[in-house]
């Protein structure tokens, strides 16, 4: 047996939080780019600092919005920005759940 040969079957440990944190950042960037697009700003592949701040504000506002206001939207089509905000909320909730489990 050569060195390392027996280790190929051992699964590599990955923290379940890492891909979620990467997805959260990716969604935040997509939200920033979508907001810029909807504002009629020139498109780019990477949002600038001001666009990222706008995304953070939109995420914060979406999270703080009353649930009944979100329920009213349940019967109308969801736009691309709303879908990104929903996806972000789901990822953020999962991250929070994992942190709560680890701290308890």
Foldseek 3Di string as FASTA:
>chain_A
DDPPPVVPPPDDDDDPLVVLVVVLVVLLQVLLQVVCVVVVHDHDPGHDPVSSVVSVVVLVCVVPDDPVVVVVCPPDDDDPNRVSSVVSVVSVVVSVVVVVVVVD
